[in-house]
N, C-alpha and C. Protein backbone atom coordinates (compact mmCIF):
# COMPACT_ATOMS: atom_id res chain seq x y z
N UNK A 1 16.53 0.39 14.07
CA UNK A 1 15.25 1.02 13.84
C UNK A 1 14.25 0.51 14.88
N UNK A 2 13.48 1.39 15.38
CA UNK A 2 12.44 1.06 16.35
C UNK A 2 11.37 0.19 15.68
N UNK A 3 10.97 -0.88 16.35
CA UNK A 3 9.99 -1.82 15.78
C UNK A 3 8.66 -1.11 15.51
N UNK A 4 8.23 -0.27 16.45
CA UNK A 4 6.96 0.45 16.24
C UNK A 4 7.05 1.37 15.03
N UNK A 5 8.20 1.99 14.85
CA UNK A 5 8.40 2.87 13.70
C UNK A 5 8.30 2.08 12.40
N UNK A 6 8.93 0.93 12.35
CA UNK A 6 8.86 0.07 11.16
C UNK A 6 7.43 -0.38 10.91
N UNK A 7 6.75 -0.78 11.97
CA UNK A 7 5.36 -1.22 11.85
C UNK A 7 4.49 -0.07 11.31
N UNK A 8 4.67 1.13 11.87
CA UNK A 8 3.88 2.28 11.43
C UNK A 8 4.20 2.66 9.99
N UNK A 9 5.46 2.54 9.60
CA UNK A 9 5.84 2.83 8.21
C UNK A 9 5.14 1.86 7.27
N UNK A 10 5.10 0.61 7.65
CA UNK A 10 4.41 -0.38 6.83
C UNK A 10 2.93 -0.08 6.71
N UNK A 11 2.32 0.30 7.82
CA UNK A 11 0.90 0.64 7.78
C UNK A 11 0.63 1.86 6.91
N UNK A 12 1.49 2.88 7.03
CA UNK A 12 1.33 4.08 6.19
C UNK A 12 1.49 3.72 4.72
N UNK A 13 2.45 2.87 4.41
CA UNK A 13 2.63 2.44 3.03
C UNK A 13 1.41 1.71 2.50
N UNK A 14 0.82 0.87 3.33
CA UNK A 14 -0.37 0.15 2.91
C UNK A 14 -1.55 1.11 2.71
N UNK A 15 -1.68 2.09 3.60
CA UNK A 15 -2.76 3.08 3.46
C UNK A 15 -2.59 3.90 2.18
N UNK A 16 -1.34 4.30 1.89
CA UNK A 16 -1.09 5.04 0.65
C UNK A 16 -1.43 4.20 -0.57
N UNK A 17 -1.07 2.93 -0.52
CA UNK A 17 -1.40 2.03 -1.63
C UNK A 17 -2.91 1.92 -1.80
N UNK A 18 -3.62 1.84 -0.70
CA UNK A 18 -5.08 1.75 -0.74
C UNK A 18 -5.68 3.00 -1.37
N UNK A 19 -5.17 4.16 -0.99
CA UNK A 19 -5.68 5.43 -1.55
C UNK A 19 -5.39 5.52 -3.05
N UNK A 20 -4.20 5.10 -3.45
CA UNK A 20 -3.85 5.13 -4.87
C UNK A 20 -4.74 4.19 -5.66
N UNK A 21 -4.97 3.00 -5.13
CA UNK A 21 -5.83 2.03 -5.81
C UNK A 21 -7.26 2.57 -5.94
N UNK A 22 -7.75 3.21 -4.89
CA UNK A 22 -9.11 3.76 -4.93
C UNK A 22 -9.21 4.87 -5.97
N UNK A 23 -8.19 5.73 -6.03
CA UNK A 23 -8.19 6.82 -7.00
C UNK A 23 -8.14 6.26 -8.43
N UNK A 24 -7.35 5.22 -8.62
CA UNK A 24 -7.26 4.59 -9.94
C UNK A 24 -8.58 3.96 -10.33
N UNK A 25 -9.21 3.28 -9.40
CA UNK A 25 -10.50 2.65 -9.67
C UNK A 25 -11.56 3.69 -10.03
N UNK A 26 -11.51 4.82 -9.34
CA UNK A 26 -12.46 5.89 -9.63
C UNK A 26 -12.25 6.42 -11.05
N UNK A 27 -11.00 6.62 -11.42
CA UNK A 27 -10.70 7.10 -12.77
C UNK A 27 -11.21 6.13 -13.82
N UNK A 28 -10.95 4.84 -13.61
CA UNK A 28 -11.38 3.83 -14.58
C UNK A 28 -12.90 3.80 -14.67
N UNK A 29 -13.57 3.89 -13.53
CA UNK A 29 -15.04 3.87 -13.53
C UNK A 29 -15.60 5.10 -14.24
N UNK A 30 -15.01 6.26 -13.97
CA UNK A 30 -15.51 7.48 -14.60
C UNK A 30 -15.29 7.43 -16.12
N UNK A 31 -14.11 6.97 -16.52
CA UNK A 31 -13.81 6.88 -17.96
C UNK A 31 -14.72 5.87 -18.63
N UNK A 32 -14.99 4.72 -18.00
CA UNK A 32 -15.86 3.74 -18.63
C UNK A 32 -17.30 4.21 -18.70
N UNK A 33 -17.67 5.11 -17.81
CA UNK A 33 -19.02 5.66 -17.84
C UNK A 33 -19.15 6.86 -18.75
N UNK A 34 -18.05 7.23 -19.42
CA UNK A 34 -18.11 8.36 -20.34
C UNK A 34 -18.00 9.71 -19.66
N UNK A 35 -17.64 9.73 -18.39
CA UNK A 35 -17.52 10.99 -17.67
C UNK A 35 -16.13 11.58 -17.87
N UNK A 36 -16.04 12.89 -17.76
CA UNK A 36 -14.76 13.57 -17.94
C UNK A 36 -13.82 13.23 -16.79
N UNK A 37 -12.56 13.09 -17.14
CA UNK A 37 -11.54 12.76 -16.14
C UNK A 37 -10.21 13.30 -16.67
N UNK A 38 -9.41 13.85 -15.77
CA UNK A 38 -8.12 14.41 -16.17
C UNK A 38 -7.11 13.33 -16.58
N UNK A 39 -7.21 12.17 -15.97
CA UNK A 39 -6.23 11.12 -16.22
C UNK A 39 -6.76 10.09 -17.20
N UNK A 40 -5.86 9.43 -17.90
CA UNK A 40 -6.25 8.39 -18.84
C UNK A 40 -6.42 7.06 -18.11
N UNK A 41 -7.09 6.14 -18.76
CA UNK A 41 -7.26 4.81 -18.20
C UNK A 41 -5.90 4.13 -18.08
N UNK A 42 -5.05 4.35 -19.05
CA UNK A 42 -3.72 3.74 -19.02
C UNK A 42 -2.94 4.19 -17.79
N UNK A 43 -2.99 5.48 -17.51
CA UNK A 43 -2.32 6.01 -16.32
C UNK A 43 -2.90 5.39 -15.06
N UNK A 44 -4.21 5.27 -15.01
CA UNK A 44 -4.87 4.68 -13.84
C UNK A 44 -4.47 3.21 -13.68
N UNK A 45 -4.34 2.48 -14.78
CA UNK A 45 -3.95 1.08 -14.69
C UNK A 45 -2.51 0.93 -14.19
N UNK A 46 -1.63 1.79 -14.67
CA UNK A 46 -0.25 1.75 -14.20
C UNK A 46 -0.20 2.07 -12.71
N UNK A 47 -0.97 3.06 -12.28
CA UNK A 47 -1.01 3.40 -10.86
C UNK A 47 -1.61 2.27 -10.02
N UNK A 48 -2.56 1.55 -10.58
CA UNK A 48 -3.15 0.42 -9.85
C UNK A 48 -2.11 -0.68 -9.62
N UNK A 49 -1.31 -0.95 -10.63
CA UNK A 49 -0.26 -1.97 -10.48
C UNK A 49 0.80 -1.47 -9.48
N UNK A 50 1.12 -0.19 -9.56
CA UNK A 50 2.06 0.40 -8.60
C UNK A 50 1.53 0.27 -7.18
N UNK A 51 0.24 0.53 -7.00
CA UNK A 51 -0.38 0.41 -5.68
C UNK A 51 -0.32 -1.03 -5.18
N UNK A 52 -0.51 -1.98 -6.08
CA UNK A 52 -0.43 -3.39 -5.71
C UNK A 52 0.98 -3.74 -5.21
N UNK A 53 1.98 -3.27 -5.94
CA UNK A 53 3.37 -3.51 -5.53
C UNK A 53 3.71 -2.83 -4.22
N UNK A 54 3.20 -1.61 -4.04
CA UNK A 54 3.44 -0.88 -2.80
C UNK A 54 2.78 -1.60 -1.62
N UNK A 55 1.59 -2.11 -1.82
CA UNK A 55 0.90 -2.84 -0.75
C UNK A 55 1.67 -4.12 -0.39
N UNK A 56 2.20 -4.80 -1.39
CA UNK A 56 2.97 -6.02 -1.13
C UNK A 56 4.24 -5.69 -0.34
N UNK A 57 4.91 -4.60 -0.71
CA UNK A 57 6.13 -4.20 0.01
C UNK A 57 5.80 -3.79 1.44
N UNK A 58 4.71 -3.05 1.61
CA UNK A 58 4.31 -2.61 2.96
C UNK A 58 3.95 -3.81 3.83
N UNK A 59 3.33 -4.81 3.23
CA UNK A 59 2.99 -6.03 3.96
C UNK A 59 4.26 -6.72 4.45
N UNK A 60 5.28 -6.74 3.62
CA UNK A 60 6.55 -7.35 4.01
C UNK A 60 7.20 -6.59 5.16
N UNK A 61 7.08 -5.26 5.15
CA UNK A 61 7.64 -4.44 6.24
C UNK A 61 6.92 -4.76 7.55
N UNK A 62 5.60 -4.82 7.49
CA UNK A 62 4.82 -5.13 8.70
C UNK A 62 5.15 -6.54 9.19
N UNK A 63 5.25 -7.48 8.26
CA UNK A 63 5.57 -8.86 8.63
C UNK A 63 6.95 -8.94 9.28
N UNK A 64 7.93 -8.23 8.72
CA UNK A 64 9.29 -8.24 9.29
C UNK A 64 9.30 -7.61 10.68
N UNK A 65 8.56 -6.52 10.85
CA UNK A 65 8.49 -5.88 12.17
C UNK A 65 7.83 -6.81 13.18
N UNK A 66 6.80 -7.52 12.74
CA UNK A 66 6.11 -8.46 13.62
C UNK A 66 7.03 -9.61 14.01
N UNK A 67 7.76 -10.15 13.04
CA UNK A 67 8.67 -11.26 13.34
C UNK A 67 9.81 -10.82 14.25
N UNK A 68 10.33 -9.61 14.01
CA UNK A 68 11.41 -9.08 14.84
C UNK A 68 10.91 -8.86 16.26
N UNK A 69 9.71 -8.33 16.38
CA UNK A 69 9.12 -8.10 17.69
C UNK A 69 8.96 -9.43 18.43
N UNK A 70 8.50 -10.45 17.72
CA UNK A 70 8.34 -11.77 18.33
C UNK A 70 9.68 -12.35 18.76
N UNK A 71 10.71 -12.14 17.96
CA UNK A 71 12.05 -12.61 18.30
C UNK A 71 12.57 -11.91 19.55
N UNK A 72 12.32 -10.61 19.63
CA UNK A 72 12.78 -9.86 20.81
C UNK A 72 12.08 -10.34 22.06
N UNK A 73 10.79 -10.63 21.93
CA UNK A 73 10.05 -11.12 23.11
C UNK A 73 10.58 -12.48 23.51
N UNK A 74 10.86 -13.38 22.54
CA UNK A 74 11.41 -14.70 22.85
C UNK A 74 12.78 -14.58 23.52
N UNK A 75 13.60 -13.63 23.08
CA UNK A 75 14.94 -13.44 23.63
C UNK A 75 14.87 -12.97 25.07
N UNK A 76 13.93 -12.09 25.36
CA UNK A 76 13.82 -11.52 26.71
C UNK A 76 13.08 -12.42 27.67
N UNK A 77 12.36 -13.38 27.18
CA UNK A 77 11.56 -14.25 28.06
C UNK A 77 12.41 -15.27 28.78
C-alpha cells in the first residue's frame, strides 16, 4: 500500500469521526434545549462513542504510515 494513500485514509477517517461527533453533539444540544430533533439522545451518544473509536483507529493508521515512512527514509539514507 502506498504510504500517502494510507496517510490520506487515516486523515479521511479522522475527518469523518469529527463530523459524526459534531452531529452527535448538535443532536444532544438540541434535545437538551427542548428543540425538535429526528434522532434520540441515546442514538447520538452511541454515535459519539463510535466517532471516538473511529478517531482512535484513524490516528493509529496515520501513526503507522508515519512510522513506515520514517523507516523507508532511514533505509534509503
